[in-house]
Amino acid sequence: MMRITGNHVVSTTMGEPVQAFVPNPLPPADPVLDANSFNELNRLAELALARLSGVTGLVPSVDWLLYSAIRKEALLTSQIEGTQATLTDLFDEEAGLAVSNTDDVEEVSNYLRAFRLVQDKLRDPAGLPISVRLLCEAHRLLLDGARGAGKQPGELRRSQNWIGGTRPGNAVFVPPPAEKVAGLLANLERFIHDERTELPPLVRVALVHAQFETIHPFLDGNGRIGRLLIAALLEHWGLLSEPLMYLSGYLKQHQTAYCRLLSSVRSEGDWEAWVAFFLEGVAVAASDAERGIVAVASLIATDRRRLLQAPKATPASYRLFELLPMMPRFTIEKVRQRLETSFPTATAAVRILEDQGIVTELTGQKKNRSYSYQPYIDLLTQ
């Protein structure tokens, strides 16, 4: 049976009348969503998240894992929107090295700032809950800079937007008119904080993400804020205590299905196919992240043993090694600053790691040299 998930209203934009879609409030009704049909998929997804949480003990510092996981999510969610930056670009920019596509790197860095803001606010007892206000604050950071300046950063849109096509009249999808956005988001906020629902938390995350993308409340950045909302809800509902999963990798890999299934929710009311896809994605992404952590833990343990057995190893070289997972590209000046030591001591520490084959020099120059913990970067970019 086809479910009606909203209604169309006539909206005029750029002089063209268009059929804008206004979604019904969550949860789905007529018929209601049968949560039992997702029992097995939901169980496998929750199990994969639990296993992912469990492997964090393999490394001495969970911050190492978060450093790479959050950057992968930032990168992949930006790549879905067409950003060309790479993980190495991001590491180079953080090391103070020159990068060619600075605007793209800035977009990824902005996502990182927005992500941290949301995480800090949610963890602060005096901070904001998941709310329209919090998403607007994140949006302000996301669009901070040259490309986003004219897109009303931090504000709900005041004009009609559309998705796909060259103009409103041939758009693939026209979201609700601007005057409906605040009310629709208020309904969404109520659904997020409604504790009476019997739907499993992961199913609710799937519903919220699709509804947010349908409302499309901003002039730009809706996809990235919508995917950031997924990470926030996973923590809010106790499904993952740290953001170790980069779901955007799965969504990027299956981008055609991602867009098609969101569209079929609006056109055919097929919430079931979307939720099933989302749950499968969580299970796959969590398992991928778990495998990645095991591989990283193994590499770092092997390299640490190699360094401990090196006859010329020094306390400074040990301290530098412990910094590498959060500083995989660096200069000697960066090492000097981080170790708070002299230039000769920093140089000697780097040389010891280079002699052991742990890091490699990139420039081939005598001066202004830069270094890479390349096997680690290779693992992260697989």
Foldseek 3Di string as FASTA:
>chain_A
DFFAFFAWDWDDDPNDTFTATDGDFDDGPPPGDDLVVCVVLLVLLLVLLVLLQVCCVLDPDVVLLQLLQLLVLLLLLLVLVPQDDDPVLLLCVVQVHDDDCVVSSQLSVLLSVLLVQLVVQCPDPPHDHPALQSLLVSQLSNQPDDPNPVFPRSDFDQAWDAADDDDRVPGPHTADGLVCLVVNRVSLVCLLPDPPDPRDLLLNLLVSLLSQVRNVGTSDDSSSSSVSVSQSSCCVVVSHVGSSFNLSVVCSVVVVVQVVVSVCCNVRVPSVVSSSSSSVSSSVRSNLSSVLSVVLSVVLVVLLVLLVPDPPRDPLLNVVSVCCSNNFKHWLVRSCVVSVHDSVSSVVSVVSCVVSVQKDWDDPDPPPIMIGSPVSVVSSRD
